[in-house]
C-alpha cells in the first residue's frame, strides 16, 4: 500500500494512540494536525515557514485546484509537491465537502455533482471518476474518495427557515448561530419536494457514498503511490454511522475517514459520533476526522482513537486577528491591546511571540499593540504573523498530546492547555 501506519504507543487509560504514517514523501507523526492550503498555498506562508511551525503534512483541495490552474497543468509542472515547493506529505480533499458548503451553486444526483464554477460561472461536472482522475494528476500522497456529505439534522441545529421538515428527533434550543451552509444544503435537497426528510437524506447519502467509493477505487490509477481513503457518513444517527462504517470498511483501503461532522453539529453531537465510529474503523490503518479543529474537539477525538485532523481555523482566524492561546482566543483588534507590550503568549516559540534575533543575538517579540496596529492599518504582516502563531499553537498542542499519550497524565495536559479541558471532561463523562 502507498501509506503505512506504525503505532508506537497506545494509551493505557484511553483510546489514544501515537505513531507515524509513512508515505512516498516521508512520514508524519500522529496524532497529526494538517494545515489547509486549499489552492496549493497556506495563505501568506512560505513553505519553509510552514515547516518551521512543525507541520509535517498539509492539505490541498481537488475542486479549487481543478478550476485553477487545472490538474493537467499541475501534472505537467511535476505534480503538486513540486508545484508548491512542499517536499513533504500532502493530502487532497476530493471536493465532496464543497458539494455541501456550496450547495447554492450545485445540484447532486447519483452520478455526481454539477457545480456552477466560482471562476467564470460555467458548469462543472464532478463525479467519482473525475475527482479521482484530478487527484491522480495532482499526485498527493493521500487522496480522498468522492462522497455525498449530507447536512446535519436541521431540527437539532435550530434551522427554522428551511422547507417543512420531517425528522424523528425533536427540535432543541441552541444559542449558537446556525451555519448558513446548512440552510443552503437543506434548501437544495428540498427543491423537488415540499418537505425535507432528514432520515431519507442520510440513507441516500450513505448508499451513494458506498457506490461512489467503489467507483473511485475502480478509477484509481495510482494505487501504488497514492493512498485512497474512504469516508464514513451517517450524520448524528449512530445506526446510520454503523451501517456506513461496515460498508465502507468492507472495501479494502489504506485508510478511512469520519466525514460529515463539521456541518452544523454541536460539540456533544460530534463527540458522540466520533466515540461511536472511531472504534469501528480498522485499528491498523489511519483514522482521519475531517474538518474538526477546536482544541477540545481535537483532544476528545484523540482520546477516542483518531489519528489525523485538518481545519481552516488557525489560518482563517489568524487572518482575522484572532490568536489562539492555551486559555482561549485573543481578539487583537480589541482596543485594550493598543498599548499592550506583551507578545500573544509568553512561552510560545513562534516567530511572533519569540521574535527574531537582531545583530546582537537578542530576540525581539512582536507586541500585541504592534499586531493590533498592523490589522487596523491593514498591513499584510499582521495576518502573516498571527497565522504563523496559530499554526505553531496547534502543532505545539498536538506535540504535547503525543507526549502525553506516553505518560497518560491527562490532568497535567489540561493544566497546560485549559482551553481543551472540556474535551477531556466530556470523554470521561460519556
Protein backbone atom coordinates (compact mmCIF):
# COMPACT_ATOMS: atom_id res chain seq x y z
CA UNK A 1 0.00 0.00 0.00
CA UNK A 2 1.06 3.59 -0.62
CA UNK A 3 0.97 4.53 3.07
CA UNK A 4 1.53 2.58 6.27
CA UNK A 5 0.60 3.36 9.87
CA UNK A 6 3.08 2.39 12.57
CA UNK A 7 1.55 2.57 16.05
CA UNK A 8 4.34 3.25 18.52
CA UNK A 9 2.36 3.60 21.76
CA UNK A 10 -1.23 3.22 22.93
CA UNK A 11 -2.67 4.93 26.00
CA UNK A 12 -3.42 2.58 28.87
CA UNK A 13 -6.44 4.57 30.02
CA UNK A 14 -7.99 5.92 26.79
CA UNK A 15 -8.31 5.05 23.11
CA UNK A 16 -5.47 7.40 22.17
CA UNK A 17 -2.51 6.11 20.21
CA UNK A 18 0.62 7.72 18.79
CA UNK A 19 2.76 6.66 15.87
CA UNK A 20 3.67 7.72 12.39
CA UNK A 21 2.28 7.39 8.88
CA UNK A 22 4.86 6.55 6.23
CA UNK A 23 4.23 7.96 2.74
CA UNK A 24 6.22 8.28 -0.51
CA UNK A 25 7.21 11.81 0.57
CA UNK A 26 8.31 10.96 4.08
CA UNK A 27 6.46 10.32 7.31
CA UNK A 28 4.38 12.38 9.69
CA UNK A 29 3.77 11.76 13.37
CA UNK A 30 0.30 11.03 14.73
CA UNK A 31 -1.94 12.35 16.07
CA UNK A 32 -1.36 14.95 13.35
CA UNK A 33 -2.91 18.31 12.55
CA UNK A 34 -2.81 19.24 8.86
CA UNK A 35 -2.81 22.91 7.86
CA UNK A 36 -5.14 23.65 4.96
CA UNK A 37 -3.62 25.00 1.75
CA UNK A 38 -6.80 24.92 -0.33
CA UNK A 39 -5.36 26.27 -3.60
CA UNK A 40 -1.85 24.89 -3.20
CA UNK A 41 -0.80 27.52 -0.65
CA UNK A 42 -1.34 28.18 3.04
CA UNK A 43 -2.25 31.83 2.60
CA UNK A 44 0.71 34.16 3.10
CA UNK A 45 3.02 31.46 4.48
CA UNK A 46 6.21 30.30 2.73
CA UNK A 47 6.74 26.51 2.73
CA UNK A 48 9.86 26.95 4.87
CA UNK A 49 7.87 28.90 7.45
CA UNK A 50 5.08 26.32 7.37
CA UNK A 51 7.59 23.57 8.04
CA UNK A 52 9.05 25.70 10.83
CA UNK A 53 5.73 25.63 12.67
CA UNK A 54 6.09 21.87 13.00
CA UNK A 55 3.70 20.92 10.21
CA UNK A 56 4.69 17.64 8.57
CA UNK A 57 1.77 17.29 6.14
CA UNK A 58 -0.62 19.78 4.55
CA UNK A 59 -3.88 19.62 2.65
CA UNK A 60 -4.99 20.80 -0.80
CA UNK A 61 -8.42 20.81 -2.41
CA UNK A 62 -9.43 19.00 -5.59
CA UNK A 63 -12.33 21.26 -6.53
CA UNK A 64 -10.40 24.52 -6.31
CA UNK A 65 -7.22 23.22 -7.96
CA UNK A 66 -9.29 21.61 -10.72
CA UNK A 67 -10.77 25.03 -11.53
CA UNK A 68 -7.49 26.94 -11.27
CA UNK A 69 -4.90 26.29 -12.55
CA UNK A 70 -6.17 22.82 -13.52
CA UNK A 71 -4.75 19.41 -12.67
CA UNK A 72 -3.24 18.80 -16.17
CA UNK A 73 -1.08 21.91 -15.78
CA UNK A 74 -0.01 20.91 -12.26
CA UNK A 75 0.84 17.43 -13.53
CA UNK A 76 2.88 18.94 -16.36
CA UNK A 77 4.72 21.08 -13.79
CA UNK A 78 5.79 17.98 -11.89
CA UNK A 79 2.86 17.41 -9.57
CA UNK A 80 1.54 19.33 -6.59
CA UNK A 81 4.59 18.74 -4.39
CA UNK A 82 6.97 20.36 -6.85
CA UNK A 83 4.43 22.96 -7.95
CA UNK A 84 4.04 24.38 -4.44
CA UNK A 85 7.61 23.59 -3.30
CA UNK A 86 6.49 21.27 -0.48
CA UNK A 87 8.54 18.07 -0.49
CA UNK A 88 6.60 16.52 2.37
CA UNK A 89 3.34 14.54 2.52
CA UNK A 90 0.20 16.09 1.02
CA UNK A 91 -3.44 15.05 1.32
CA UNK A 92 -6.06 16.24 -1.16
CA UNK A 93 -9.76 16.51 -0.34
CA UNK A 94 -12.00 15.17 -3.11
CA UNK A 95 -14.46 18.05 -3.44
CA UNK A 96 -17.28 16.22 -1.68
CA UNK A 97 -17.32 18.81 1.10
CA UNK A 98 -17.67 21.62 -1.45
CA UNK A 99 -20.87 19.94 -2.62
CA UNK A 100 -22.21 20.69 0.87
CA UNK A 101 -20.63 24.08 1.52
CA UNK A 102 -21.52 25.43 -1.94
CA UNK A 103 -24.99 23.93 -2.07
CA UNK A 104 -26.40 27.13 -3.56
CA UNK A 105 -24.11 26.61 -6.58
CA UNK A 106 -24.66 22.93 -7.32
CA UNK A 107 -27.04 20.03 -7.73
CA UNK A 108 -26.47 16.42 -6.67
CA UNK A 109 -27.63 13.18 -8.28
CA UNK A 110 -26.49 9.55 -8.30
CA UNK A 111 -23.85 10.23 -10.92
CA UNK A 112 -22.13 13.13 -9.16
CA UNK A 113 -22.36 16.87 -8.57
CA UNK A 114 -22.82 19.67 -11.09
CA UNK A 115 -21.28 22.93 -9.89
CA UNK A 116 -21.52 26.47 -11.11
CA UNK A 117 -17.87 27.49 -11.34
CA UNK A 118 -16.82 30.19 -8.87
CA UNK A 119 -14.30 31.34 -11.51
CA UNK A 120 -16.44 32.04 -14.56
CA UNK A 121 -19.93 30.69 -13.83
CA UNK A 122 -19.59 27.76 -16.24
CA UNK A 123 -20.99 24.34 -15.39
CA UNK A 124 -18.50 21.88 -13.92
CA UNK A 125 -19.33 18.20 -13.50
CA UNK A 126 -17.56 16.33 -10.69
CA UNK A 127 -18.06 12.58 -10.48
CA UNK A 128 -16.20 9.88 -8.53
CA UNK A 129 -14.17 9.12 -11.65
CA UNK A 130 -13.36 12.77 -12.33
CA UNK A 131 -12.44 13.51 -8.69
CA UNK A 132 -10.11 10.53 -8.69
CA UNK A 133 -8.55 11.46 -12.03
CA UNK A 134 -7.86 15.01 -10.85
CA UNK A 135 -6.24 13.73 -7.67
CA UNK A 136 -4.15 11.25 -9.65
CA UNK A 137 -2.90 14.17 -11.72
CA UNK A 138 -2.22 16.31 -8.65
CA UNK A 139 -0.14 13.50 -7.16
CA UNK A 140 -0.86 13.83 -3.43
CA UNK A 141 0.27 11.03 -1.13
CA UNK A 142 -3.23 10.57 0.31
CA UNK A 143 -6.36 11.16 -1.77
CA UNK A 144 -9.94 11.14 -0.58
CA UNK A 145 -12.87 9.32 -2.10
CA UNK A 146 -15.67 11.46 -3.55
CA UNK A 147 -18.54 11.26 -1.05
CA UNK A 148 -22.05 12.61 -0.56
CA UNK A 149 -21.95 14.80 2.56
CA UNK A 150 -25.47 15.38 3.91
CA UNK A 151 -26.39 18.35 6.11
CA UNK A 152 -26.78 17.81 9.83
CA UNK A 153 -30.18 17.33 11.43
CA UNK A 154 -31.93 20.69 10.80
CA UNK A 155 -34.20 20.39 13.83
CA UNK A 156 -31.33 19.76 16.22
CA UNK A 157 -29.38 22.62 14.65
CA UNK A 158 -32.28 25.04 15.10
CA UNK A 159 -32.97 25.74 11.42
CA UNK A 160 -36.36 27.44 11.15
CA UNK A 161 -36.35 28.95 7.67
CA UNK A 162 -35.96 25.78 5.63
CA UNK A 163 -38.86 23.92 3.98
CA UNK A 164 -41.17 21.90 6.22
CA UNK A 165 -39.01 19.32 7.99
CA UNK A 166 -39.83 15.69 8.74
CA UNK A 167 -37.41 14.07 11.21
CA UNK A 168 -37.50 11.57 14.03
CA UNK A 169 -35.80 13.86 16.52
CA UNK A 170 -37.43 16.80 18.28
CA UNK A 171 -36.10 20.31 17.95
CA UNK A 172 -33.67 21.55 20.58
CA UNK A 173 -32.89 25.09 21.62
CA UNK A 174 -29.44 26.28 20.65
CA UNK A 175 -27.93 29.66 21.34
CA UNK A 176 -25.26 29.18 18.67
CA UNK A 177 -25.73 30.79 15.27
CA UNK A 178 -26.98 28.39 12.61
CA UNK A 179 -24.41 27.77 9.88
CA UNK A 180 -25.81 29.31 6.66
CA UNK A 181 -24.27 26.45 4.68
CA UNK A 182 -26.65 24.09 6.45
CA UNK A 183 -29.70 26.09 5.41
CA UNK A 184 -28.48 26.26 1.80
CA UNK A 185 -27.90 22.49 1.68
CA UNK A 186 -31.36 21.74 3.04
CA UNK A 187 -32.96 24.07 0.51
CA UNK A 188 -31.05 22.39 -2.32
CA UNK A 189 -32.06 18.92 -1.16
CA UNK A 190 -35.71 20.01 -0.90
CA UNK A 191 -36.14 21.55 -4.35
CA UNK A 192 -38.21 18.74 -5.80
CA UNK A 193 -40.28 18.23 -2.65
CA UNK A 194 -42.32 20.29 -0.24
CA UNK A 195 -40.68 18.63 2.77
CA UNK A 196 -37.18 17.66 3.81
CA UNK A 197 -36.91 14.16 5.29
CA UNK A 198 -33.58 14.01 7.08
CA UNK A 199 -33.56 10.25 7.66
CA UNK A 200 -34.21 9.64 3.98
CA UNK A 201 -31.41 12.05 3.08
CA UNK A 202 -28.99 10.13 5.35
CA UNK A 203 -29.92 6.85 3.72
CA UNK A 204 -29.44 8.25 0.22
CA UNK A 205 -26.07 9.74 1.20
CA UNK A 206 -24.84 6.55 2.84
CA UNK A 207 -25.78 4.31 -0.08
CA UNK A 208 -24.49 6.81 -2.62
CA UNK A 209 -21.16 7.21 -0.76
CA UNK A 210 -20.54 3.46 -0.87
CA UNK A 211 -21.31 3.27 -4.59
CA UNK A 212 -19.12 6.30 -5.25
CA UNK A 213 -16.25 4.76 -3.26
CA UNK A 214 -16.43 1.62 -5.37
CA UNK A 215 -16.24 3.81 -8.48
CA UNK A 216 -13.31 5.79 -7.03
CA UNK A 217 -11.36 2.63 -6.29
CA UNK A 218 -12.01 1.28 -9.77
CA UNK A 219 -10.89 4.57 -11.36
CA UNK A 220 -7.81 4.95 -9.13
CA UNK A 221 -4.82 4.70 -11.48
CA UNK A 222 -2.01 5.25 -8.96
CA UNK A 223 -2.72 2.89 -6.09
CA UNK A 224 1.00 2.07 -5.89
CA UNK A 225 1.97 5.58 -4.75
CA UNK A 226 -1.28 7.27 -3.71
CA UNK A 227 -3.40 6.04 -0.82
CA UNK A 228 -7.16 6.27 -1.35
CA UNK A 229 -9.13 6.81 1.88
CA UNK A 230 -12.84 6.02 2.19
CA UNK A 231 -15.20 8.29 4.14
CA UNK A 232 -17.85 7.21 6.65
CA UNK A 233 -21.05 9.27 6.63
CA UNK A 234 -24.33 8.96 8.56
CA UNK A 235 -24.87 12.30 10.27
CA UNK A 236 -25.54 12.09 14.00
CA UNK A 237 -27.59 8.90 13.62
CA UNK A 238 -25.38 6.23 15.20
CA UNK A 239 -27.17 3.38 13.44
CA UNK A 240 -26.53 5.10 10.12
CA UNK A 241 -22.90 5.55 11.13
CA UNK A 242 -22.60 1.85 11.93
CA UNK A 243 -24.10 0.91 8.57
CA UNK A 244 -21.77 3.27 6.73
CA UNK A 245 -18.68 2.13 8.65
CA UNK A 246 -19.42 -1.51 7.92
CA UNK A 247 -19.96 -1.00 4.19
CA UNK A 248 -17.08 1.47 3.72
CA UNK A 249 -14.54 -0.67 5.58
CA UNK A 250 -15.65 -3.76 3.63
CA UNK A 251 -13.82 -2.06 0.75
CA UNK A 252 -10.13 -2.65 1.46
CA UNK A 253 -8.25 0.65 1.53
CA UNK A 254 -5.11 2.10 3.17
CA UNK A 255 -7.11 4.37 5.49
CA UNK A 256 -10.54 5.65 6.46
CA UNK A 257 -12.09 8.95 7.48
CA UNK A 258 -15.06 10.15 9.51
CA UNK A 259 -16.81 12.82 7.44
CA UNK A 260 -19.88 14.96 7.86
CA UNK A 261 -19.20 16.11 11.44
CA UNK A 262 -18.39 19.76 10.78
CA UNK A 263 -21.65 20.65 9.10
CA UNK A 264 -23.69 22.23 11.88
CA UNK A 265 -23.49 19.86 14.86
CA UNK A 266 -22.83 20.79 18.48
CA UNK A 267 -19.74 19.57 20.33
CA UNK A 268 -21.60 16.83 22.20
CA UNK A 269 -23.06 15.52 18.93
CA UNK A 270 -19.64 15.46 17.26
CA UNK A 271 -18.20 13.63 20.26
CA UNK A 272 -20.99 11.03 20.23
CA UNK A 273 -20.37 10.33 16.53
CA UNK A 274 -16.59 10.09 16.90
CA UNK A 275 -16.75 7.99 20.07
CA UNK A 276 -19.09 5.56 18.31
CA UNK A 277 -17.43 5.49 14.89
CA UNK A 278 -13.67 5.52 15.52
CA UNK A 279 -13.59 2.01 17.06
CA UNK A 280 -15.49 0.69 14.03
CA UNK A 281 -12.56 1.61 11.76
CA UNK A 282 -9.60 -0.77 11.32
CA UNK A 283 -7.13 -0.41 14.16
CA UNK A 284 -4.06 -0.89 11.96
CA UNK A 285 -4.91 1.91 9.49
CA UNK A 286 -5.03 5.71 9.85
CA UNK A 287 -8.26 7.20 11.17
CA UNK A 288 -8.96 10.72 9.93
CA UNK A 289 -11.57 13.10 11.34
CA UNK A 290 -12.32 15.66 8.65
CA UNK A 291 -12.72 19.39 9.20
CA UNK A 292 -12.65 19.49 13.01
CA UNK A 293 -10.25 21.87 14.70
CA UNK A 294 -11.06 23.43 18.08
CA UNK A 295 -8.73 22.19 20.82
CA UNK A 296 -11.48 20.50 22.85
CA UNK A 297 -12.62 18.65 19.70
CA UNK A 298 -9.11 17.52 18.85
CA UNK A 299 -8.37 16.22 22.35
CA UNK A 300 -11.69 14.40 22.65
CA UNK A 301 -11.24 12.75 19.24
CA UNK A 302 -7.66 11.70 20.02
CA UNK A 303 -8.92 10.07 23.23
CA UNK A 304 -11.38 8.15 21.05
CA UNK A 305 -8.60 6.83 18.79
CA UNK A 306 -8.40 9.32 15.89
CA UNK A 307 -5.01 9.93 14.21
CA UNK A 308 -5.43 12.78 11.71
CA UNK A 309 -7.16 16.16 11.61
CA UNK A 310 -7.47 19.22 9.39
CA UNK A 311 -9.17 22.57 9.81
CA UNK A 312 -9.03 26.14 8.46
CA UNK A 313 -9.39 27.66 11.93
CA UNK A 314 -5.71 28.54 12.58
CA UNK A 315 -5.28 30.28 9.23
CA UNK A 316 -8.72 31.83 8.78
CA UNK A 317 -8.81 33.15 12.33
CA UNK A 318 -5.22 34.36 12.04
CA UNK A 319 -6.12 36.46 9.02
CA UNK A 320 -8.92 37.98 11.08
CA UNK A 321 -6.78 39.00 14.09
CA UNK A 322 -7.92 36.12 16.31
CA UNK A 323 -4.99 34.43 18.03
CA UNK A 324 -5.26 31.05 19.76
CA UNK A 325 -3.72 30.60 23.21
CA UNK A 326 -3.78 27.80 25.82
CA UNK A 327 -6.55 29.66 27.66
CA UNK A 328 -8.65 30.73 24.68
CA UNK A 329 -8.66 33.12 21.74
CA UNK A 330 -7.38 36.70 21.86
CA UNK A 331 -9.09 39.18 19.56
CA UNK A 332 -6.28 41.53 18.72
CA UNK A 333 -8.44 44.26 17.19
CA UNK A 334 -9.81 44.95 20.68
CA UNK A 335 -8.83 48.44 21.82
CA UNK A 336 -7.49 47.16 25.13
CA UNK A 337 -4.44 45.77 23.30
CA UNK A 338 -3.43 49.13 21.77
CA UNK A 339 -0.69 49.73 24.37
CA UNK A 340 -0.02 46.10 25.32
CA UNK A 341 3.71 45.33 25.27
CA UNK A 342 3.30 41.57 25.78
CA UNK A 343 3.55 39.03 22.96
CA UNK A 344 0.49 36.99 22.05
CA UNK A 345 1.53 34.32 24.55
CA UNK A 346 4.57 34.18 26.82
CA UNK A 347 6.29 30.85 26.32
CA UNK A 348 5.20 30.30 22.72
CA UNK A 349 8.23 29.79 20.48
CA UNK A 350 6.65 31.04 17.24
CA UNK A 351 8.27 33.90 15.33
CA UNK A 352 5.58 36.33 16.52
CA UNK A 353 5.99 35.51 20.22
CA UNK A 354 9.68 34.58 20.41
CA UNK A 355 10.64 37.19 17.84
CA UNK A 356 13.63 37.37 15.55
CA UNK A 357 17.27 37.68 16.54
CA UNK A 358 18.83 41.10 15.87
CA UNK A 359 22.54 41.72 15.13
CA UNK A 360 23.39 41.28 18.82
CA UNK A 361 21.53 37.99 19.04
CA UNK A 362 18.74 39.45 21.19
CA UNK A 363 15.31 38.13 20.35
CA UNK A 364 12.61 40.74 19.91
CA UNK A 365 8.98 39.53 20.02
CA UNK A 366 6.17 41.40 18.32
CA UNK A 367 3.84 43.02 20.85
CA UNK A 368 0.07 42.75 20.90
CA UNK A 369 -0.01 46.52 20.48
CA UNK A 370 2.06 46.34 17.30
CA UNK A 371 0.00 43.45 15.92
CA UNK A 372 -3.20 45.39 16.57
CA UNK A 373 -1.73 48.35 14.70
CA UNK A 374 -0.93 46.13 11.70
CA UNK A 375 -4.52 44.93 11.49
CA UNK A 376 -6.01 48.37 11.97
CA UNK A 377 -3.69 49.73 9.26
CA UNK A 378 -4.48 46.71 7.02
CA UNK A 379 -0.81 45.81 6.76
CA UNK A 380 -0.25 42.29 5.43
CA UNK A 381 2.37 41.47 8.09
CA UNK A 382 -0.34 41.24 10.76
CA UNK A 383 -2.24 38.32 9.22
CA UNK A 384 1.06 36.58 8.40
CA UNK A 385 2.39 36.79 11.97
CA UNK A 386 -0.85 35.74 13.66
CA UNK A 387 -1.34 32.91 11.16
CA UNK A 388 2.17 31.66 11.96
CA UNK A 389 1.42 31.88 15.67
CA UNK A 390 -1.84 29.95 15.28
CA UNK A 391 -0.23 27.26 13.16
CA UNK A 392 2.53 26.84 15.75
CA UNK A 393 -0.06 26.82 18.55
CA UNK A 394 -1.80 23.80 17.06
CA UNK A 395 1.44 21.98 16.33
CA UNK A 396 2.61 22.53 19.92
CA UNK A 397 -0.78 21.31 21.10
CA UNK A 398 -0.53 18.11 19.05
CA UNK A 399 3.09 17.55 20.08
CA UNK A 400 2.06 17.73 23.74
CA UNK A 401 -0.80 15.30 23.06
CA UNK A 402 1.68 12.84 21.54
CA UNK A 403 3.96 13.20 24.57
CA UNK A 404 1.04 12.78 26.98
CA UNK A 405 -0.03 9.52 25.33
CA UNK A 406 3.29 8.13 26.59
CA UNK A 407 2.57 9.16 30.19
CA UNK A 408 -1.25 9.18 30.38
CA UNK A 409 -1.04 12.33 32.51
CA UNK A 410 -4.15 13.93 31.01
CA UNK A 411 -4.86 16.06 34.07
CA UNK A 412 -1.41 17.58 33.65
CA UNK A 413 -2.13 18.14 29.98
CA UNK A 414 -5.29 20.17 30.60
CA UNK A 415 -3.49 22.21 33.25
CA UNK A 416 -1.13 23.27 30.47
CA UNK A 417 -3.98 23.59 27.96
CA UNK A 418 -7.10 24.63 29.90
CA UNK A 419 -8.80 25.55 26.61
CA UNK A 420 -9.12 21.80 25.93
CA UNK A 421 -10.39 20.79 29.38
CA UNK A 422 -13.97 20.34 28.17
CA UNK A 423 -12.78 17.71 25.71
CA UNK A 424 -11.28 15.60 28.49
CA UNK A 425 -14.28 16.04 30.79
CA UNK A 426 -16.69 15.08 28.02
CA UNK A 427 -14.87 11.84 27.23
CA UNK A 428 -14.58 10.94 30.91
CA UNK A 429 -18.30 11.55 31.45
CA UNK A 430 -19.53 9.88 28.25
